[in-house]
Amino acid sequence: MNIYINESELKNLSYAFYPLHAEPEIAISIFSIFYQNQIEVIRNVAMSLPAGHKLIVKEHPRNIGRRSKSYYNKILQIPNAEMVDPYCNTSYIISNSKIVIVLQGFLGFEALMHSIPVISLGSAMYNMLPKEMINH
């Protein structure tokens, strides 16, 4: 528990948000086939952020307790990446983020509804929306 950023700390951060996808899941195995290693996706995204920005990572609720401790340790070793409490309100995380990066999934659509820009790495249904809203 002491490794997580809590909700109150998010207000003072400039951050991008990456929600971990459950595994196994069709979002990864079919629609995001080139991004199956989520740790490397997180590493690449975190290293690509502008100075002063963090990458906030949140576990998928369905995967709580299913990944090994070493999986999370690998994420926490990535410079510029932080984990948020998995029980933190996702809408709150999205609404305070500068951008949301997803492979494919509903949280990308939810971010669009909050007028938060989205980068979709996989094949999402909402990729057809204008480039002002989403980049694929």
N, C-alpha and C. Protein backbone atom coordinates (compact mmCIF):
# COMPACT_ATOMS: atom_id res chain seq x y z
N MET A 1 0.81 -1.21 0.00
CA MET A 1 0.00 0.00 0.00
C MET A 1 0.85 1.26 0.00
N ASN A 2 2.04 1.22 0.59
CA ASN A 2 2.84 2.44 0.66
C ASN A 2 3.50 2.81 -0.67
N ILE A 3 3.33 1.99 -1.69
CA ILE A 3 3.91 2.30 -3.00
C ILE A 3 2.98 3.13 -3.86
N TYR A 4 1.72 3.24 -3.48
CA TYR A 4 0.73 3.91 -4.30
C TYR A 4 0.68 5.41 -4.05
N ILE A 5 0.43 6.14 -5.12
CA ILE A 5 0.06 7.56 -5.00
C ILE A 5 -1.41 7.56 -4.65
N ASN A 6 -1.82 8.42 -3.75
CA ASN A 6 -3.24 8.46 -3.42
C ASN A 6 -3.93 9.58 -4.19
N GLU A 7 -5.23 9.59 -4.13
CA GLU A 7 -6.05 10.52 -4.90
C GLU A 7 -5.69 11.98 -4.64
N SER A 8 -5.42 12.34 -3.41
CA SER A 8 -5.13 13.74 -3.08
C SER A 8 -3.81 14.21 -3.70
N GLU A 9 -2.87 13.31 -3.89
CA GLU A 9 -1.58 13.68 -4.50
C GLU A 9 -1.69 13.94 -6.00
N LEU A 10 -2.71 13.41 -6.63
CA LEU A 10 -2.86 13.56 -8.07
C LEU A 10 -3.13 15.01 -8.49
N LYS A 11 -3.82 15.76 -7.62
CA LYS A 11 -4.16 17.14 -7.96
C LYS A 11 -2.94 18.00 -8.24
N ASN A 12 -1.81 17.69 -7.61
CA ASN A 12 -0.61 18.50 -7.73
C ASN A 12 0.34 18.00 -8.82
N LEU A 13 -0.08 17.00 -9.59
CA LEU A 13 0.80 16.43 -10.61
C LEU A 13 0.31 16.75 -12.02
N SER A 14 1.26 16.88 -12.93
CA SER A 14 0.96 16.87 -14.36
C SER A 14 1.26 15.46 -14.81
N TYR A 15 0.25 14.76 -15.31
CA TYR A 15 0.47 13.36 -15.61
C TYR A 15 -0.33 12.86 -16.79
N ALA A 16 0.20 11.80 -17.38
CA ALA A 16 -0.52 10.98 -18.35
C ALA A 16 -1.01 9.75 -17.59
N PHE A 17 -2.08 9.18 -18.06
CA PHE A 17 -2.68 8.03 -17.38
C PHE A 17 -2.68 6.81 -18.29
N TYR A 18 -2.16 5.70 -17.76
CA TYR A 18 -2.20 4.43 -18.48
C TYR A 18 -2.89 3.39 -17.59
N PRO A 19 -4.09 2.97 -17.96
CA PRO A 19 -4.75 1.91 -17.20
C PRO A 19 -4.25 0.55 -17.69
N LEU A 20 -3.75 -0.27 -16.78
CA LEU A 20 -3.33 -1.62 -17.16
C LEU A 20 -4.54 -2.39 -17.67
N HIS A 21 -4.33 -3.19 -18.66
CA HIS A 21 -5.40 -4.03 -19.18
C HIS A 21 -5.34 -5.39 -18.48
N ALA A 22 -6.49 -5.97 -18.28
CA ALA A 22 -6.55 -7.32 -17.71
C ALA A 22 -5.89 -8.28 -18.68
N GLU A 23 -5.31 -9.31 -18.14
CA GLU A 23 -4.69 -10.34 -18.98
C GLU A 23 -5.12 -11.71 -18.51
N PRO A 24 -5.48 -12.61 -19.36
CA PRO A 24 -5.62 -12.46 -20.80
C PRO A 24 -6.91 -11.70 -21.13
N GLU A 25 -6.87 -10.99 -22.23
CA GLU A 25 -8.02 -10.20 -22.67
C GLU A 25 -7.93 -9.98 -24.17
N ILE A 26 -9.06 -9.91 -24.81
CA ILE A 26 -9.11 -9.72 -26.26
C ILE A 26 -8.51 -8.37 -26.66
N ALA A 27 -8.60 -7.37 -25.78
CA ALA A 27 -8.04 -6.05 -26.07
C ALA A 27 -6.55 -6.14 -26.37
N ILE A 28 -5.87 -7.09 -25.75
CA ILE A 28 -4.43 -7.25 -25.98
C ILE A 28 -4.18 -8.32 -27.05
N SER A 29 -4.76 -9.48 -26.90
CA SER A 29 -4.43 -10.60 -27.77
C SER A 29 -4.89 -10.44 -29.21
N ILE A 30 -5.92 -9.65 -29.46
CA ILE A 30 -6.44 -9.46 -30.82
C ILE A 30 -6.27 -8.01 -31.30
N PHE A 31 -6.73 -7.05 -30.48
CA PHE A 31 -6.79 -5.67 -30.93
C PHE A 31 -5.52 -4.86 -30.69
N SER A 32 -4.58 -5.40 -29.95
CA SER A 32 -3.32 -4.69 -29.66
C SER A 32 -2.15 -5.67 -29.71
N ILE A 33 -2.12 -6.45 -30.74
CA ILE A 33 -1.18 -7.57 -30.80
C ILE A 33 0.29 -7.15 -30.69
N PHE A 34 0.63 -5.94 -31.11
CA PHE A 34 2.02 -5.49 -31.06
C PHE A 34 2.39 -4.88 -29.71
N TYR A 35 1.45 -4.85 -28.78
CA TYR A 35 1.68 -4.23 -27.47
C TYR A 35 1.37 -5.20 -26.33
N GLN A 36 1.72 -6.45 -26.50
CA GLN A 36 1.38 -7.47 -25.50
C GLN A 36 2.16 -7.33 -24.21
N ASN A 37 3.37 -6.78 -24.27
CA ASN A 37 4.18 -6.60 -23.07
C ASN A 37 3.88 -5.22 -22.50
N GLN A 38 2.96 -5.17 -21.54
CA GLN A 38 2.52 -3.88 -21.02
C GLN A 38 3.63 -3.16 -20.24
N ILE A 39 4.54 -3.89 -19.65
CA ILE A 39 5.65 -3.24 -18.93
C ILE A 39 6.48 -2.43 -19.92
N GLU A 40 6.74 -2.99 -21.10
CA GLU A 40 7.51 -2.25 -22.11
C GLU A 40 6.72 -1.09 -22.68
N VAL A 41 5.41 -1.24 -22.80
CA VAL A 41 4.57 -0.12 -23.23
C VAL A 41 4.70 1.01 -22.23
N ILE A 42 4.61 0.68 -20.94
CA ILE A 42 4.73 1.69 -19.88
C ILE A 42 6.11 2.35 -19.94
N ARG A 43 7.14 1.55 -20.11
CA ARG A 43 8.51 2.09 -20.19
C ARG A 43 8.63 3.08 -21.36
N ASN A 44 8.14 2.70 -22.53
CA ASN A 44 8.23 3.56 -23.71
C ASN A 44 7.43 4.84 -23.55
N VAL A 45 6.25 4.73 -23.00
CA VAL A 45 5.41 5.92 -22.80
C VAL A 45 6.04 6.83 -21.75
N ALA A 46 6.47 6.27 -20.62
CA ALA A 46 7.06 7.09 -19.54
C ALA A 46 8.29 7.85 -20.03
N MET A 47 9.11 7.20 -20.86
CA MET A 47 10.32 7.84 -21.36
C MET A 47 10.02 8.88 -22.44
N SER A 48 8.81 8.87 -22.98
CA SER A 48 8.45 9.79 -24.06
C SER A 48 7.71 11.03 -23.57
N LEU A 49 7.40 11.09 -22.30
CA LEU A 49 6.63 12.22 -21.77
C LEU A 49 7.49 13.48 -21.67
N PRO A 50 6.86 14.64 -21.77
CA PRO A 50 7.61 15.89 -21.60
C PRO A 50 8.15 16.01 -20.17
N ALA A 51 9.18 16.81 -20.01
CA ALA A 51 9.76 17.05 -18.68
C ALA A 51 8.67 17.56 -17.74
N GLY A 52 8.72 17.07 -16.52
CA GLY A 52 7.76 17.50 -15.50
C GLY A 52 6.47 16.71 -15.48
N HIS A 53 6.33 15.76 -16.36
CA HIS A 53 5.12 14.92 -16.39
C HIS A 53 5.45 13.51 -15.91
N LYS A 54 4.51 12.91 -15.25
CA LYS A 54 4.63 11.53 -14.76
C LYS A 54 3.65 10.66 -15.55
N LEU A 55 3.90 9.37 -15.51
CA LEU A 55 2.94 8.41 -16.04
C LEU A 55 2.32 7.70 -14.85
N ILE A 56 1.03 7.84 -14.72
CA ILE A 56 0.29 7.20 -13.63
C ILE A 56 -0.33 5.91 -14.18
N VAL A 57 -0.05 4.82 -13.51
CA VAL A 57 -0.51 3.49 -13.93
C VAL A 57 -1.49 2.96 -12.88
N LYS A 58 -2.60 2.41 -13.35
CA LYS A 58 -3.59 1.84 -12.43
C LYS A 58 -3.91 0.41 -12.86
N GLU A 59 -3.95 -0.47 -11.90
CA GLU A 59 -4.29 -1.87 -12.16
C GLU A 59 -5.75 -2.01 -12.55
N HIS A 60 -6.02 -2.92 -13.44
CA HIS A 60 -7.40 -3.26 -13.83
C HIS A 60 -8.07 -3.95 -12.65
N PRO A 61 -9.29 -3.55 -12.29
CA PRO A 61 -9.95 -4.15 -11.12
C PRO A 61 -10.06 -5.67 -11.17
N ARG A 62 -10.23 -6.22 -12.36
CA ARG A 62 -10.35 -7.67 -12.49
C ARG A 62 -9.02 -8.39 -12.25
N ASN A 63 -7.91 -7.67 -12.32
CA ASN A 63 -6.61 -8.30 -12.17
C ASN A 63 -5.98 -8.11 -10.79
N ILE A 64 -6.66 -7.47 -9.89
CA ILE A 64 -6.11 -7.27 -8.55
C ILE A 64 -5.83 -8.62 -7.92
N GLY A 65 -4.58 -8.83 -7.53
CA GLY A 65 -4.17 -10.07 -6.92
C GLY A 65 -3.74 -11.16 -7.89
N ARG A 66 -3.80 -10.90 -9.17
CA ARG A 66 -3.46 -11.93 -10.16
C ARG A 66 -2.04 -11.79 -10.72
N ARG A 67 -1.45 -10.62 -10.60
CA ARG A 67 -0.09 -10.44 -11.09
C ARG A 67 0.88 -10.62 -9.94
N SER A 68 2.10 -10.98 -10.27
CA SER A 68 3.11 -11.19 -9.23
C SER A 68 3.63 -9.85 -8.71
N LYS A 69 4.18 -9.88 -7.54
CA LYS A 69 4.78 -8.69 -6.94
C LYS A 69 5.91 -8.16 -7.83
N SER A 70 6.65 -9.08 -8.45
CA SER A 70 7.76 -8.66 -9.32
C SER A 70 7.25 -7.88 -10.53
N TYR A 71 6.05 -8.15 -11.00
CA TYR A 71 5.47 -7.41 -12.12
C TYR A 71 5.35 -5.93 -11.74
N TYR A 72 4.80 -5.67 -10.54
CA TYR A 72 4.64 -4.29 -10.09
C TYR A 72 6.00 -3.64 -9.79
N ASN A 73 6.93 -4.42 -9.25
CA ASN A 73 8.26 -3.88 -8.99
C ASN A 73 8.94 -3.42 -10.28
N LYS A 74 8.73 -4.17 -11.36
CA LYS A 74 9.30 -3.76 -12.65
C LYS A 74 8.71 -2.43 -13.11
N ILE A 75 7.43 -2.25 -12.90
CA ILE A 75 6.79 -0.98 -13.26
C ILE A 75 7.36 0.15 -12.41
N LEU A 76 7.49 -0.09 -11.11
CA LEU A 76 7.98 0.96 -10.20
C LEU A 76 9.44 1.30 -10.42
N GLN A 77 10.18 0.43 -11.08
CA GLN A 77 11.58 0.73 -11.39
C GLN A 77 11.73 1.61 -12.63
N ILE A 78 10.66 1.81 -13.35
CA ILE A 78 10.70 2.65 -14.55
C ILE A 78 10.72 4.11 -14.11
N PRO A 79 11.74 4.85 -14.52
CA PRO A 79 11.77 6.27 -14.16
C PRO A 79 10.52 6.98 -14.69
N ASN A 80 9.95 7.81 -13.89
CA ASN A 80 8.82 8.63 -14.29
C ASN A 80 7.47 7.91 -14.23
N ALA A 81 7.44 6.64 -13.82
CA ALA A 81 6.18 5.90 -13.72
C ALA A 81 5.83 5.71 -12.25
N GLU A 82 4.58 5.92 -11.92
CA GLU A 82 4.06 5.75 -10.56
C GLU A 82 2.78 4.95 -10.64
N MET A 83 2.46 4.25 -9.58
CA MET A 83 1.21 3.51 -9.53
C MET A 83 0.25 4.20 -8.58
N VAL A 84 -1.00 4.19 -8.97
CA VAL A 84 -2.05 4.77 -8.14
C VAL A 84 -2.81 3.62 -7.49
N ASP A 85 -3.38 3.89 -6.35
CA ASP A 85 -4.18 2.90 -5.64
C ASP A 85 -5.22 2.30 -6.60
N PRO A 86 -5.30 0.98 -6.71
CA PRO A 86 -6.24 0.38 -7.66
C PRO A 86 -7.71 0.64 -7.32
N TYR A 87 -7.98 1.08 -6.10
CA TYR A 87 -9.36 1.39 -5.71
C TYR A 87 -9.68 2.88 -5.88
N CYS A 88 -8.73 3.65 -6.37
CA CYS A 88 -8.94 5.08 -6.63
C CYS A 88 -9.97 5.23 -7.75
N ASN A 89 -10.79 6.25 -7.68
CA ASN A 89 -11.83 6.50 -8.66
C ASN A 89 -11.22 6.80 -10.03
N THR A 90 -11.48 5.95 -11.00
CA THR A 90 -10.90 6.10 -12.33
C THR A 90 -11.35 7.38 -13.02
N SER A 91 -12.60 7.77 -12.84
CA SER A 91 -13.08 9.02 -13.45
C SER A 91 -12.31 10.22 -12.92
N TYR A 92 -11.97 10.19 -11.65
CA TYR A 92 -11.19 11.27 -11.05
C TYR A 92 -9.78 11.30 -11.66
N ILE A 93 -9.17 10.14 -11.81
CA ILE A 93 -7.83 10.06 -12.41
C ILE A 93 -7.86 10.62 -13.83
N ILE A 94 -8.84 10.19 -14.60
CA ILE A 94 -8.96 10.65 -15.99
C ILE A 94 -9.18 12.15 -16.06
N SER A 95 -10.10 12.66 -15.28
CA SER A 95 -10.45 14.08 -15.38
C SER A 95 -9.31 15.01 -14.98
N ASN A 96 -8.34 14.53 -14.22
CA ASN A 96 -7.20 15.36 -13.83
C ASN A 96 -5.95 15.10 -14.67
N SER A 97 -6.04 14.17 -15.62
CA SER A 97 -4.87 13.85 -16.43
C SER A 97 -4.76 14.79 -17.63
N LYS A 98 -3.56 14.87 -18.18
CA LYS A 98 -3.33 15.68 -19.39
C LYS A 98 -3.65 14.88 -20.65
N ILE A 99 -3.45 13.57 -20.56
CA ILE A 99 -3.69 12.68 -21.69
C ILE A 99 -3.87 11.26 -21.15
N VAL A 100 -4.62 10.45 -21.86
CA VAL A 100 -4.83 9.05 -21.49
C VAL A 100 -4.29 8.19 -22.63
N ILE A 101 -3.48 7.20 -22.28
CA ILE A 101 -2.93 6.27 -23.26
C ILE A 101 -3.52 4.90 -22.98
N VAL A 102 -4.14 4.31 -23.98
CA VAL A 102 -4.75 2.98 -23.82
C VAL A 102 -4.33 2.09 -24.97
N LEU A 103 -4.45 0.80 -24.76
CA LEU A 103 -4.29 -0.13 -25.87
C LEU A 103 -5.61 -0.15 -26.64
N GLN A 104 -6.67 -0.42 -25.91
CA GLN A 104 -8.02 -0.45 -26.46
C GLN A 104 -8.92 -0.67 -25.26
N GLY A 105 -10.00 0.02 -25.18
CA GLY A 105 -10.90 -0.22 -24.06
C GLY A 105 -11.78 0.98 -23.74
N PHE A 106 -12.70 0.75 -22.83
CA PHE A 106 -13.70 1.76 -22.52
C PHE A 106 -13.12 3.01 -21.87
N LEU A 107 -12.02 2.89 -21.11
CA LEU A 107 -11.48 4.06 -20.44
C LEU A 107 -11.00 5.12 -21.43
N GLY A 108 -10.59 4.70 -22.60
CA GLY A 108 -10.24 5.68 -23.64
C GLY A 108 -11.47 6.47 -24.05
N PHE A 109 -12.59 5.79 -24.23
CA PHE A 109 -13.84 6.46 -24.58
C PHE A 109 -14.30 7.38 -23.45
N GLU A 110 -14.15 6.91 -22.21
CA GLU A 110 -14.52 7.74 -21.06
C GLU A 110 -13.69 9.02 -21.03
N ALA A 111 -12.40 8.91 -21.33
CA ALA A 111 -11.55 10.10 -21.38
C ALA A 111 -12.03 11.08 -22.45
N LEU A 112 -12.43 10.57 -23.59
CA LEU A 112 -12.95 11.43 -24.65
C LEU A 112 -14.19 12.18 -24.18
N MET A 113 -15.03 11.52 -23.37
CA MET A 113 -16.23 12.17 -22.84
C MET A 113 -15.87 13.28 -21.84
N HIS A 114 -14.69 13.17 -21.24
CA HIS A 114 -14.19 14.20 -20.32
C HIS A 114 -13.39 15.27 -21.08
N SER A 115 -13.35 15.17 -22.41
CA SER A 115 -12.56 16.07 -23.26
C SER A 115 -11.06 15.99 -22.98
N ILE A 116 -10.60 14.82 -22.58
CA ILE A 116 -9.18 14.56 -22.36
C ILE A 116 -8.66 13.87 -23.63
N PRO A 117 -7.54 14.34 -24.20
CA PRO A 117 -7.01 13.68 -25.39
C PRO A 117 -6.59 12.24 -25.11
N VAL A 118 -6.70 11.40 -26.12
CA VAL A 118 -6.42 9.98 -25.99
C VAL A 118 -5.46 9.53 -27.09
N ILE A 119 -4.53 8.69 -26.70
CA ILE A 119 -3.72 7.96 -27.68
C ILE A 119 -4.11 6.50 -27.54
N SER A 120 -4.61 5.94 -28.62
CA SER A 120 -5.00 4.55 -28.66
C SER A 120 -3.93 3.78 -29.43
N LEU A 121 -3.26 2.86 -28.76
CA LEU A 121 -2.20 2.08 -29.41
C LEU A 121 -2.75 0.90 -30.18
N GLY A 122 -3.93 0.47 -29.83
CA GLY A 122 -4.54 -0.69 -30.48
C GLY A 122 -5.65 -0.29 -31.42
N SER A 123 -6.45 -1.24 -31.77
CA SER A 123 -7.56 -1.01 -32.68
C SER A 123 -8.84 -0.84 -31.87
N ALA A 124 -9.20 0.40 -31.61
CA ALA A 124 -10.38 0.70 -30.81
C ALA A 124 -11.51 1.21 -31.71
N MET A 125 -12.73 0.97 -31.31
CA MET A 125 -13.88 1.40 -32.07
C MET A 125 -13.91 2.93 -32.24
N TYR A 126 -13.43 3.65 -31.24
CA TYR A 126 -13.48 5.11 -31.27
C TYR A 126 -12.30 5.73 -32.01
N ASN A 127 -11.44 4.93 -32.62
CA ASN A 127 -10.33 5.47 -33.42
C ASN A 127 -10.82 6.25 -34.63
N MET A 128 -12.09 6.07 -34.99
CA MET A 128 -12.64 6.78 -36.15
C MET A 128 -12.98 8.24 -35.83
N LEU A 129 -12.91 8.62 -34.57
CA LEU A 129 -13.24 10.00 -34.19
C LEU A 129 -12.15 10.95 -34.70
N PRO A 130 -12.45 12.25 -34.75
CA PRO A 130 -11.49 13.21 -35.30
C PRO A 130 -10.14 13.22 -34.55
N LYS A 131 -9.09 13.57 -35.27
CA LYS A 131 -7.73 13.58 -34.72
C LYS A 131 -7.58 14.61 -33.58
N GLU A 132 -8.47 15.58 -33.49
CA GLU A 132 -8.43 16.53 -32.37
C GLU A 132 -8.77 15.83 -31.05
N MET A 133 -9.44 14.71 -31.14
CA MET A 133 -9.88 13.98 -29.95
C MET A 133 -8.97 12.79 -29.64
N ILE A 134 -8.58 12.07 -30.68
CA ILE A 134 -7.84 10.82 -30.47
C ILE A 134 -6.80 10.63 -31.56
N ASN A 135 -5.66 10.14 -31.17
CA ASN A 135 -4.63 9.73 -32.13
C ASN A 135 -4.44 8.24 -32.01
N HIS A 136 -4.23 7.61 -33.14
CA HIS A 136 -4.05 6.16 -33.17
C HIS A 136 -2.74 5.84 -33.84
